[in-house]
Amino acid sequence: MIYHVIVSFGRDRHYEYRFSNAELAGGSPEEARRWFDKEFADLECEPSNPMGKVLIIDKILNVARYGGEPRFVERQEWATRFARYTALALSRETVHIDVAAFNIGY
């Protein structure tokens, strides 16, 4: 299976990543959650819902938003890691992260 992660910051500003099962082998959803926990804290993200538990989807959206589009342009290693861990955490064939609308679609 091929995993396809798309991160968009608006019209015509999309960053696409594809990973095979082999490329994701050796990683785990737990490792992905730990990475998003660390990035969420390092970027000083604000929880979307201050009254409740912060879900992995909220962490993915906030890390993309607070990390900003320049990280996807200038820091390819970070951006690829973000996409890889998104694929591992969500285990969906296609994930579209719309940062402008603050939404994740499958």
PDB file of N, CA and C in Angstrom:
ATOM      1  N   MET A   1       0.843  -1.176   0.000  1.00  0.00           N
ATOM      2  CA  MET A   1       0.000   0.000   0.000  1.00  0.00           C
ATOM      3  C   MET A   1       0.891   1.244   0.000  1.00  0.00           C
ATOM      4  N   ILE A   2       0.406   2.275  -0.635  1.00  0.00           N
ATOM      5  CA  ILE A   2       1.093   3.564  -0.648  1.00  0.00           C
ATOM      6  C   ILE A   2       0.295   4.528   0.218  1.00  0.00           C
ATOM      7  N   TYR A   3       0.981   5.196   1.117  1.00  0.00           N
ATOM      8  CA  TYR A   3       0.364   6.215   1.973  1.00  0.00           C
ATOM      9  C   TYR A   3       0.654   7.578   1.359  1.00  0.00           C
ATOM     10  N   HIS A   4      -0.367   8.395   1.250  1.00  0.00           N
ATOM     11  CA  HIS A   4      -0.265   9.697   0.608  1.00  0.00           C
ATOM     12  C   HIS A   4      -0.700  10.754   1.618  1.00  0.00           C
ATOM     13  N   VAL A   5       0.200  11.661   1.962  1.00  0.00           N
ATOM     14  CA  VAL A   5      -0.091  12.740   2.910  1.00  0.00           C
ATOM     15  C   VAL A   5       0.052  14.065   2.160  1.00  0.00           C
ATOM     16  N   ILE A   6      -1.010  14.870   2.231  1.00  0.00           N
ATOM     17  CA  ILE A   6      -1.027  16.181   1.581  1.00  0.00           C
ATOM     18  C   ILE A   6      -1.227  17.231   2.660  1.00  0.00           C
ATOM     19  N   VAL A   7      -0.345  18.215   2.692  1.00  0.00           N
ATOM     20  CA  VAL A   7      -0.468  19.328   3.634  1.00  0.00           C
ATOM     21  C   VAL A   7      -0.682  20.575   2.798  1.00  0.00           C
ATOM     22  N   SER A   8      -1.809  21.263   3.034  1.00  0.00           N
ATOM     23  CA  SER A   8      -2.070  22.467   2.243  1.00  0.00           C
ATOM     24  C   SER A   8      -2.249  23.678   3.146  1.00  0.00           C
ATOM     25  N   PHE A   9      -1.714  24.785   2.656  1.00  0.00           N
ATOM     26  CA  PHE A   9      -1.791  26.061   3.364  1.00  0.00           C
ATOM     27  C   PHE A   9      -2.630  27.069   2.591  1.00  0.00           C
ATOM     28  N   GLY A  10      -3.381  26.615   1.631  1.00  0.00           N
ATOM     29  CA  GLY A  10      -4.203  27.496   0.807  1.00  0.00           C
ATOM     30  C   GLY A  10      -4.134  27.052  -0.634  1.00  0.00           C
ATOM     31  N   ARG A  11      -4.811  27.790  -1.458  1.00  0.00           N
ATOM     32  CA  ARG A  11      -4.882  27.468  -2.876  1.00  0.00           C
ATOM     33  C   ARG A  11      -3.483  27.424  -3.505  1.00  0.00           C
ATOM     34  N   ASP A  12      -3.210  26.352  -4.201  1.00  0.00           N
ATOM     35  CA  ASP A  12      -1.935  26.158  -4.909  1.00  0.00           C
ATOM     36  C   ASP A  12      -0.724  26.150  -3.987  1.00  0.00           C
ATOM     37  N   ARG A  13      -0.921  25.845  -2.730  1.00  0.00           N
ATOM     38  CA  ARG A  13       0.194  25.750  -1.769  1.00  0.00           C
ATOM     39  C   ARG A  13       0.079  24.412  -1.043  1.00  0.00           C
ATOM     40  N   HIS A  14       0.382  23.335  -1.798  1.00  0.00           N
ATOM     41  CA  HIS A  14       0.256  21.970  -1.303  1.00  0.00           C
ATOM     42  C   HIS A  14       1.622  21.301  -1.259  1.00  0.00           C
ATOM     43  N   TYR A  15       1.804  20.490  -0.261  1.00  0.00           N
ATOM     44  CA  TYR A  15       3.042  19.719  -0.118  1.00  0.00           C
ATOM     45  C   TYR A  15       2.625  18.262   0.010  1.00  0.00           C
ATOM     46  N   GLU A  16       3.117  17.426  -0.895  1.00  0.00           N
ATOM     47  CA  GLU A  16       2.678  16.037  -0.967  1.00  0.00           C
ATOM     48  C   GLU A  16       3.826  15.089  -0.664  1.00  0.00           C
ATOM     49  N   TYR A  17       3.480  14.021   0.051  1.00  0.00           N
ATOM     50  CA  TYR A  17       4.453  13.022   0.465  1.00  0.00           C
ATOM     51  C   TYR A  17       3.834  11.650   0.254  1.00  0.00           C
ATOM     52  N   ARG A  18       4.647  10.715  -0.231  1.00  0.00           N
ATOM     53  CA  ARG A  18       4.184   9.342  -0.429  1.00  0.00           C
ATOM     54  C   ARG A  18       5.176   8.402   0.249  1.00  0.00           C
ATOM     55  N   PHE A  19       4.605   7.380   0.896  1.00  0.00           N
ATOM     56  CA  PHE A  19       5.419   6.395   1.599  1.00  0.00           C
ATOM     57  C   PHE A  19       4.880   5.004   1.311  1.00  0.00           C
ATOM     58  N   SER A  20       5.770   4.072   1.075  1.00  0.00           N
ATOM     59  CA  SER A  20       5.372   2.672   0.917  1.00  0.00           C
ATOM     60  C   SER A  20       5.360   2.020   2.296  1.00  0.00           C
ATOM     61  N   ASN A  21       4.805   0.824   2.358  1.00  0.00           N
ATOM     62  CA  ASN A  21       4.839   0.066   3.617  1.00  0.00           C
ATOM     63  C   ASN A  21       6.276  -0.119   4.091  1.00  0.00           C
ATOM     64  N   ALA A  22       7.167  -0.377   3.155  1.00  0.00           N
ATOM     65  CA  ALA A  22       8.573  -0.594   3.508  1.00  0.00           C
ATOM     66  C   ALA A  22       9.188   0.654   4.126  1.00  0.00           C
ATOM     67  N   GLU A  23       8.814   1.839   3.613  1.00  0.00           N
ATOM     68  CA  GLU A  23       9.359   3.089   4.147  1.00  0.00           C
ATOM     69  C   GLU A  23       8.840   3.391   5.555  1.00  0.00           C
ATOM     70  N   LEU A  24       7.667   2.865   5.873  1.00  0.00           N
ATOM     71  CA  LEU A  24       7.106   3.083   7.212  1.00  0.00           C
ATOM     72  C   LEU A  24       7.481   1.974   8.189  1.00  0.00           C
ATOM     73  N   ALA A  25       8.019   0.883   7.652  1.00  0.00           N
ATOM     74  CA  ALA A  25       8.416  -0.237   8.503  1.00  0.00           C
ATOM     75  C   ALA A  25       9.451   0.229   9.522  1.00  0.00           C
ATOM     76  N   GLY A  26       9.356  -0.282  10.687  1.00  0.00           N
ATOM     77  CA  GLY A  26      10.291   0.115  11.740  1.00  0.00           C
ATOM     78  C   GLY A  26       9.763   1.257  12.572  1.00  0.00           C
ATOM     79  N   GLY A  27       8.744   1.953  12.092  1.00  0.00           N
ATOM     80  CA  GLY A  27       8.103   3.012  12.864  1.00  0.00           C
ATOM     81  C   GLY A  27       6.826   2.484  13.488  1.00  0.00           C
ATOM     82  N   SER A  28       6.302   3.206  14.439  1.00  0.00           N
ATOM     83  CA  SER A  28       5.077   2.768  15.103  1.00  0.00           C
ATOM     84  C   SER A  28       4.181   3.965  15.411  1.00  0.00           C
ATOM     85  N   PRO A  29       2.900   3.711  15.610  1.00  0.00           N
ATOM     86  CA  PRO A  29       2.006   4.798  16.018  1.00  0.00           C
ATOM     87  C   PRO A  29       2.443   5.445  17.346  1.00  0.00           C
ATOM     88  N   GLU A  30       3.002   4.666  18.244  1.00  0.00           N
ATOM     89  CA  GLU A  30       3.475   5.208  19.520  1.00  0.00           C
ATOM     90  C   GLU A  30       4.644   6.162  19.317  1.00  0.00           C
ATOM     91  N   GLU A  31       5.561   5.795  18.437  1.00  0.00           N
ATOM     92  CA  GLU A  31       6.688   6.666  18.114  1.00  0.00           C
ATOM     93  C   GLU A  31       6.178   7.975  17.507  1.00  0.00           C
ATOM     94  N   ALA A  32       5.186   7.862  16.623  1.00  0.00           N
ATOM     95  CA  ALA A  32       4.597   9.049  15.999  1.00  0.00           C
ATOM     96  C   ALA A  32       3.951   9.942  17.048  1.00  0.00           C
ATOM     97  N   ARG A  33       3.214   9.354  17.973  1.00  0.00           N
ATOM     98  CA  ARG A  33       2.570  10.151  19.031  1.00  0.00           C
ATOM     99  C   ARG A  33       3.602  10.876  19.887  1.00  0.00           C
ATOM    100  N   ARG A  34       4.677  10.195  20.204  1.00  0.00           N
ATOM    101  CA  ARG A  34       5.737  10.837  21.000  1.00  0.00           C
ATOM    102  C   ARG A  34       6.341  12.017  20.251  1.00  0.00           C
ATOM    103  N   TRP A  35       6.572  11.843  18.942  1.00  0.00           N
ATOM    104  CA  TRP A  35       7.132  12.932  18.144  1.00  0.00           C
ATOM    105  C   TRP A  35       6.173  14.119  18.123  1.00  0.00           C
ATOM    106  N   PHE A  36       4.872  13.871  17.904  1.00  0.00           N
ATOM    107  CA  PHE A  36       3.895  14.962  17.892  1.00  0.00           C
ATOM    108  C   PHE A  36       3.765  15.593  19.275  1.00  0.00           C
ATOM    109  N   ASP A  37       3.852  14.808  20.343  1.00  0.00           N
ATOM    110  CA  ASP A  37       3.826  15.379  21.698  1.00  0.00           C
ATOM    111  C   ASP A  37       4.984  16.358  21.887  1.00  0.00           C
ATOM    112  N   LYS A  38       6.173  15.941  21.458  1.00  0.00           N
ATOM    113  CA  LYS A  38       7.359  16.788  21.615  1.00  0.00           C
ATOM    114  C   LYS A  38       7.244  18.056  20.763  1.00  0.00           C
ATOM    115  N   GLU A  39       6.861  17.919  19.507  1.00  0.00           N
ATOM    116  CA  GLU A  39       6.722  19.091  18.628  1.00  0.00           C
ATOM    117  C   GLU A  39       5.634  20.035  19.141  1.00  0.00           C
ATOM    118  N   PHE A  40       4.540  19.487  19.625  1.00  0.00           N
ATOM    119  CA  PHE A  40       3.437  20.284  20.164  1.00  0.00           C
ATOM    120  C   PHE A  40       3.952  21.154  21.316  1.00  0.00           C
ATOM    121  N   ALA A  41       4.754  20.549  22.181  1.00  0.00           N
ATOM    122  CA  ALA A  41       5.328  21.288  23.322  1.00  0.00           C
ATOM    123  C   ALA A  41       6.401  22.270  22.855  1.00  0.00           C
ATOM    124  N   ASP A  42       7.311  21.825  21.990  1.00  0.00           N
ATOM    125  CA  ASP A  42       8.405  22.682  21.524  1.00  0.00           C
ATOM    126  C   ASP A  42       7.902  23.912  20.775  1.00  0.00           C
ATOM    127  N   LEU A  43       6.824  23.747  20.008  1.00  0.00           N
ATOM    128  CA  LEU A  43       6.265  24.863  19.239  1.00  0.00           C
ATOM    129  C   LEU A  43       5.301  25.723  20.070  1.00  0.00           C
ATOM    130  N   GLU A  44       5.123  25.314  21.327  1.00  0.00           N
ATOM    131  CA  GLU A  44       4.230  26.024  22.255  1.00  0.00           C
ATOM    132  C   GLU A  44       2.829  26.176  21.665  1.00  0.00           C
ATOM    133  N   CYS A  45       2.319  25.069  21.149  1.00  0.00           N
ATOM    134  CA  CYS A  45       0.973  25.055  20.566  1.00  0.00           C
ATOM    135  C   CYS A  45      -0.073  25.225  21.659  1.00  0.00           C
ATOM    136  N   GLU A  46      -1.137  25.893  21.314  1.00  0.00           N
ATOM    137  CA  GLU A  46      -2.286  26.052  22.202  1.00  0.00           C
ATOM    138  C   GLU A  46      -3.306  24.976  21.847  1.00  0.00           C
ATOM    139  N   PRO A  47      -3.830  24.251  22.832  1.00  0.00           N
ATOM    140  CA  PRO A  47      -4.845  23.233  22.534  1.00  0.00           C
ATOM    141  C   PRO A  47      -6.075  23.857  21.874  1.00  0.00           C
ATOM    142  N   SER A  48      -6.629  23.144  20.905  1.00  0.00           N
ATOM    143  CA  SER A  48      -7.833  23.611  20.218  1.00  0.00           C
ATOM    144  C   SER A  48      -9.023  23.660  21.166  1.00  0.00           C
ATOM    145  N   ASN A  49      -9.079  22.695  22.054  1.00  0.00           N
ATOM    146  CA  ASN A  49     -10.160  22.617  23.025  1.00  0.00           C
ATOM    147  C   ASN A  49      -9.543  22.604  24.423  1.00  0.00           C
ATOM    148  N   PRO A  50      -9.453  23.745  25.080  1.00  0.00           N
ATOM    149  CA  PRO A  50      -8.783  23.806  26.375  1.00  0.00           C
ATOM    150  C   PRO A  50      -9.500  23.031  27.480  1.00  0.00           C
ATOM    151  N   MET A  51     -10.731  22.610  27.246  1.00  0.00           N
ATOM    152  CA  MET A  51     -11.497  21.890  28.264  1.00  0.00           C
ATOM    153  C   MET A  51     -11.317  20.382  28.192  1.00  0.00           C
ATOM    154  N   GLY A  52     -10.785  19.883  27.094  1.00  0.00           N
ATOM    155  CA  GLY A  52     -10.739  18.442  26.933  1.00  0.00           C
ATOM    156  C   GLY A  52      -9.368  17.907  26.596  1.00  0.00           C
ATOM    157  N   LYS A  53      -9.356  16.623  26.359  1.00  0.00           N
ATOM    158  CA  LYS A  53      -8.143  15.913  25.987  1.00  0.00           C
ATOM    159  C   LYS A  53      -7.692  16.358  24.590  1.00  0.00           C
ATOM    160  N   VAL A  54      -6.402  16.459  24.385  1.00  0.00           N
ATOM    161  CA  VAL A  54      -5.859  16.835  23.076  1.00  0.00           C
ATOM    162  C   VAL A  54      -5.651  15.545  22.280  1.00  0.00           C
ATOM    163  N   LEU A  55      -6.418  15.404  21.225  1.00  0.00           N
ATOM    164  CA  LEU A  55      -6.348  14.212  20.385  1.00  0.00           C
ATOM    165  C   LEU A  55      -5.189  14.319  19.401  1.00  0.00           C
ATOM    166  N   ILE A  56      -4.777  13.171  18.853  1.00  0.00           N
ATOM    167  CA  ILE A  56      -3.669  13.166  17.900  1.00  0.00           C
ATOM    168  C   ILE A  56      -3.987  14.041  16.688  1.00  0.00           C
ATOM    169  N   ILE A  57      -5.232  14.072  16.262  1.00  0.00           N
ATOM    170  CA  ILE A  57      -5.618  14.919  15.131  1.00  0.00           C
ATOM    171  C   ILE A  57      -5.373  16.392  15.460  1.00  0.00           C
ATOM    172  N   ASP A  58      -5.717  16.795  16.685  1.00  0.00           N
ATOM    173  CA  ASP A  58      -5.477  18.174  17.113  1.00  0.00           C
ATOM    174  C   ASP A  58      -3.986  18.486  17.145  1.00  0.00           C
ATOM    175  N   LYS A  59      -3.195  17.520  17.567  1.00  0.00           N
ATOM    176  CA  LYS A  59      -1.748  17.734  17.616  1.00  0.00           C
ATOM    177  C   LYS A  59      -1.181  17.878  16.210  1.00  0.00           C
ATOM    178  N   ILE A  60      -1.627  17.035  15.290  1.00  0.00           N
ATOM    179  CA  ILE A  60      -1.149  17.111  13.911  1.00  0.00           C
ATOM    180  C   ILE A  60      -1.495  18.472  13.313  1.00  0.00           C
ATOM    181  N   LEU A  61      -2.743  18.890  13.464  1.00  0.00           N
ATOM    182  CA  LEU A  61      -3.173  20.187  12.925  1.00  0.00           C
ATOM    183  C   LEU A  61      -2.402  21.345  13.542  1.00  0.00           C
ATOM    184  N   ASN A  62      -2.247  21.318  14.844  1.00  0.00           N
ATOM    185  CA  ASN A  62      -1.551  22.420  15.521  1.00  0.00           C
ATOM    186  C   ASN A  62      -0.067  22.453  15.199  1.00  0.00           C
ATOM    187  N   VAL A  63       0.567  21.304  15.107  1.00  0.00           N
ATOM    188  CA  VAL A  63       1.995  21.276  14.752  1.00  0.00           C
ATOM    189  C   VAL A  63       2.183  21.830  13.345  1.00  0.00           C
ATOM    190  N   ALA A  64       1.286  21.485  12.427  1.00  0.00           N
ATOM    191  CA  ALA A  64       1.371  22.046  11.070  1.00  0.00           C
ATOM    192  C   ALA A  64       1.156  23.553  11.104  1.00  0.00           C
ATOM    193  N   ARG A  65       0.158  24.005  11.857  1.00  0.00           N
ATOM    194  CA  ARG A  65      -0.163  25.443  11.919  1.00  0.00           C
ATOM    195  C   ARG A  65       0.960  26.227  12.594  1.00  0.00           C
ATOM    196  N   TYR A  66       1.388  25.797  13.768  1.00  0.00           N
ATOM    197  CA  TYR A  66       2.418  26.539  14.504  1.00  0.00           C
ATOM    198  C   TYR A  66       3.790  26.385  13.853  1.00  0.00           C
ATOM    199  N   GLY A  67       4.037  25.234  13.232  1.00  0.00           N
ATOM    200  CA  GLY A  67       5.294  25.048  12.507  1.00  0.00           C
ATOM    201  C   GLY A  67       5.355  25.960  11.303  1.00  0.00           C
ATOM    202  N   GLY A  68       4.213  26.130  10.647  1.00  0.00           N
ATOM    203  CA  GLY A  68       4.098  27.065   9.543  1.00  0.00           C
ATOM    204  C   GLY A  68       4.588  26.527   8.214  1.00  0.00           C
ATOM    205  N   GLU A  69       4.126  27.169   7.174  1.00  0.00           N
ATOM    206  CA  GLU A  69       4.488  26.766   5.823  1.00  0.00           C
ATOM    207  C   GLU A  69       5.992  26.820   5.556  1.00  0.00           C
ATOM    208  N   PRO A  70       6.743  27.795   6.108  1.00  0.00           N
ATOM    209  CA  PRO A  70       8.186  27.810   5.844  1.00  0.00           C
ATOM    210  C   PRO A  70       8.902  26.511   6.211  1.00  0.00           C
ATOM    211  N   ARG A  71       8.426  25.812   7.216  1.00  0.00           N
ATOM    212  CA  ARG A  71       9.059  24.530   7.562  1.00  0.00           C
ATOM    213  C   ARG A  71       8.883  23.507   6.446  1.00  0.00           C
ATOM    214  N   PHE A  72       7.777  23.577   5.727  1.00  0.00           N
ATOM    215  CA  PHE A  72       7.535  22.639   4.638  1.00  0.00           C
ATOM    216  C   PHE A  72       8.319  23.024   3.386  1.00  0.00           C
ATOM    217  N   VAL A  73       8.726  24.281   3.305  1.00  0.00           N
ATOM    218  CA  VAL A  73       9.501  24.765   2.163  1.00  0.00           C
ATOM    219  C   VAL A  73      11.002  24.634   2.442  1.00  0.00           C
ATOM    220  N   GLU A  74      11.419  25.074   3.610  1.00  0.00           N
ATOM    221  CA  GLU A  74      12.844  25.213   3.920  1.00  0.00           C
ATOM    222  C   GLU A  74      13.449  24.044   4.689  1.00  0.00           C
ATOM    223  N   ARG A  75      12.628  23.295   5.363  1.00  0.00           N
ATOM    224  CA  ARG A  75      13.146  22.217   6.218  1.00  0.00           C
ATOM    225  C   ARG A  75      12.574  20.882   5.769  1.00  0.00           C
ATOM    226  N   GLN A  76      13.069  20.401   4.649  1.00  0.00           N
ATOM    227  CA  GLN A  76      12.535  19.185   4.041  1.00  0.00           C
ATOM    228  C   GLN A  76      12.584  17.977   4.975  1.00  0.00           C
ATOM    229  N   GLU A  77      13.644  17.854   5.746  1.00  0.00           N
ATOM    230  CA  GLU A  77      13.754  16.707   6.651  1.00  0.00           C
ATOM    231  C   GLU A  77      12.642  16.745   7.698  1.00  0.00           C
ATOM    232  N   TRP A  78      12.396  17.925   8.281  1.00  0.00           N
ATOM    233  CA  TRP A  78      11.326  18.076   9.271  1.00  0.00           C
ATOM    234  C   TRP A  78       9.972  17.788   8.623  1.00  0.00           C
ATOM    235  N   ALA A  79       9.732  18.325   7.438  1.00  0.00           N
ATOM    236  CA  ALA A  79       8.458  18.149   6.744  1.00  0.00           C
ATOM    237  C   ALA A  79       8.215  16.678   6.403  1.00  0.00           C
ATOM    238  N   THR A  80       9.234  15.993   5.950  1.00  0.00           N
ATOM    239  CA  THR A  80       9.097  14.571   5.627  1.00  0.00           C
ATOM    240  C   THR A  80       8.823  13.772   6.890  1.00  0.00           C
ATOM    241  N   ARG A  81       9.484  14.113   7.968  1.00  0.00           N
ATOM    242  CA  ARG A  81       9.232  13.439   9.252  1.00  0.00           C
ATOM    243  C   ARG A  81       7.788  13.695   9.702  1.00  0.00           C
ATOM    244  N   PHE A  82       7.320  14.941   9.582  1.00  0.00           N
ATOM    245  CA  PHE A  82       5.935  15.281   9.918  1.00  0.00           C
ATOM    246  C   PHE A  82       4.976  14.380   9.137  1.00  0.00           C
ATOM    247  N   ALA A  83       5.167  14.280   7.824  1.00  0.00           N
ATOM    248  CA  ALA A  83       4.284  13.484   6.979  1.00  0.00           C
ATOM    249  C   ALA A  83       4.375  11.997   7.316  1.00  0.00           C
ATOM    250  N   ARG A  84       5.573  11.509   7.534  1.00  0.00           N
ATOM    251  CA  ARG A  84       5.768  10.091   7.882  1.00  0.00           C
ATOM    252  C   ARG A  84       5.056   9.758   9.176  1.00  0.00           C
ATOM    253  N   TYR A  85       5.226  10.599  10.187  1.00  0.00           N
ATOM    254  CA  TYR A  85       4.572  10.338  11.468  1.00  0.00           C
ATOM    255  C   TYR A  85       3.063  10.520  11.389  1.00  0.00           C
ATOM    256  N   THR A  86       2.601  11.383  10.499  1.00  0.00           N
ATOM    257  CA  THR A  86       1.154  11.497  10.274  1.00  0.00           C
ATOM    258  C   THR A  86       0.620  10.186   9.724  1.00  0.00           C
ATOM    259  N   ALA A  87       1.297   9.633   8.729  1.00  0.00           N
ATOM    260  CA  ALA A  87       0.876   8.353   8.141  1.00  0.00           C
ATOM    261  C   ALA A  87       0.892   7.244   9.192  1.00  0.00           C
ATOM    262  N   LEU A  88       1.924   7.213  10.015  1.00  0.00           N
ATOM    263  CA  LEU A  88       2.004   6.186  11.059  1.00  0.00           C
ATOM    264  C   LEU A  88       0.917   6.359  12.117  1.00  0.00           C
ATOM    265  N   ALA A  89       0.677   7.594  12.532  1.00  0.00           N
ATOM    266  CA  ALA A  89      -0.291   7.851  13.608  1.00  0.00           C
ATOM    267  C   ALA A  89      -1.727   7.569  13.170  1.00  0.00           C
ATOM    268  N   LEU A  90      -2.050   7.908  11.925  1.00  0.00           N
ATOM    269  CA  LEU A  90      -3.441   7.798  11.483  1.00  0.00           C
ATOM    270  C   LEU A  90      -3.734   6.516  10.700  1.00  0.00           C
ATOM    271  N   SER A  91      -2.704   5.880  10.169  1.00  0.00           N
ATOM    272  CA  SER A  91      -2.856   4.614   9.420  1.00  0.00           C
ATOM    273  C   SER A  91      -3.946   4.687   8.357  1.00  0.00           C
ATOM    274  N   ARG A  92      -3.977   5.786   7.635  1.00  0.00           N
ATOM    275  CA  ARG A  92      -4.935   5.958   6.538  1.00  0.00           C
ATOM    276  C   ARG A  92      -4.168   6.037   5.233  1.00  0.00           C
ATOM    277  N   GLU A  93      -4.761   5.499   4.177  1.00  0.00           N
ATOM    278  CA  GLU A  93      -4.097   5.497   2.880  1.00  0.00           C
ATOM    279  C   GLU A  93      -3.853   6.914   2.365  1.00  0.00           C
ATOM    280  N   THR A  94      -4.838   7.790   2.531  1.00  0.00           N
ATOM    281  CA  THR A  94      -4.713   9.178   2.106  1.00  0.00           C
ATOM    282  C   THR A  94      -5.140  10.089   3.244  1.00  0.00           C
ATOM    283  N   VAL A  95      -4.311  11.079   3.533  1.00  0.00           N
ATOM    284  CA  VAL A  95      -4.623  12.068   4.562  1.00  0.00           C
ATOM    285  C   VAL A  95      -4.389  13.443   3.956  1.00  0.00           C
ATOM    286  N   HIS A  96      -5.405  14.301   4.036  1.00  0.00           N
ATOM    287  CA  HIS A  96      -5.263  15.676   3.553  1.00  0.00           C
ATOM    288  C   HIS A  96      -5.394  16.609   4.752  1.00  0.00           C
ATOM    289  N   ILE A  97      -4.316  17.306   5.066  1.00  0.00           N
ATOM    290  CA  ILE A  97      -4.290  18.251   6.175  1.00  0.00           C
ATOM    291  C   ILE A  97      -4.455  19.640   5.587  1.00  0.00           C
ATOM    292  N   ASP A  98      -5.606  20.242   5.822  1.00  0.00           N
ATOM    293  CA  ASP A  98      -5.894  21.581   5.329  1.00  0.00           C
ATOM    294  C   ASP A  98      -5.672  22.537   6.501  1.00  0.00           C
ATOM    295  N   VAL A  99      -4.490  23.132   6.537  1.00  0.00           N
ATOM    296  CA  VAL A  99      -4.108  23.986   7.663  1.00  0.00           C
ATOM    297  C   VAL A  99      -4.970  25.250   7.693  1.00  0.00           C
ATOM    298  N   ALA A 100      -5.260  25.819   6.538  1.00  0.00           N
ATOM    299  CA  ALA A 100      -6.062  27.053   6.479  1.00  0.00           C
ATOM    300  C   ALA A 100      -7.456  26.826   7.046  1.00  0.00           C
ATOM    301  N   ALA A 101      -8.063  25.678   6.745  1.00  0.00           N
ATOM    302  CA  ALA A 101      -9.404  25.375   7.257  1.00  0.00           C
ATOM    303  C   ALA A 101      -9.346  24.639   8.596  1.00  0.00           C
ATOM    304  N   PHE A 102      -8.162  24.296   9.050  1.00  0.00           N
ATOM    305  CA  PHE A 102      -7.948  23.552  10.288  1.00  0.00           C
ATOM    306  C   PHE A 102      -8.788  22.278  10.288  1.00  0.00           C
ATOM    307  N   ASN A 103      -8.495  21.439   9.263  1.00  0.00           N
ATOM    308  CA  ASN A 103      -9.298  20.259   9.024  1.00  0.00           C
ATOM    309  C   ASN A 103      -8.422  19.138   8.472  1.00  0.00           C
ATOM    310  N   ILE A 104      -8.766  17.910   8.835  1.00  0.00           N
ATOM    311  CA  ILE A 104      -8.111  16.743   8.262  1.00  0.00           C
ATOM    312  C   ILE A 104      -9.168  15.915   7.573  1.00  0.00           C
ATOM    313  N   GLY A 105      -8.885  15.556   6.325  1.00  0.00           N
ATOM    314  CA  GLY A 105      -9.795  14.689   5.564  1.00  0.00           C
ATOM    315  C   GLY A 105      -9.070  13.416   5.160  1.00  0.00           C
ATOM    316  N   TYR A 106      -9.875  12.394   4.903  1.00  0.00           N
ATOM    317  CA  TYR A 106      -9.313  11.088   4.521  1.00  0.00           C
ATOM    318  C   TYR A 106      -9.786  10.693   3.130  1.00  0.00           C
TER     319      TYR A 106
END
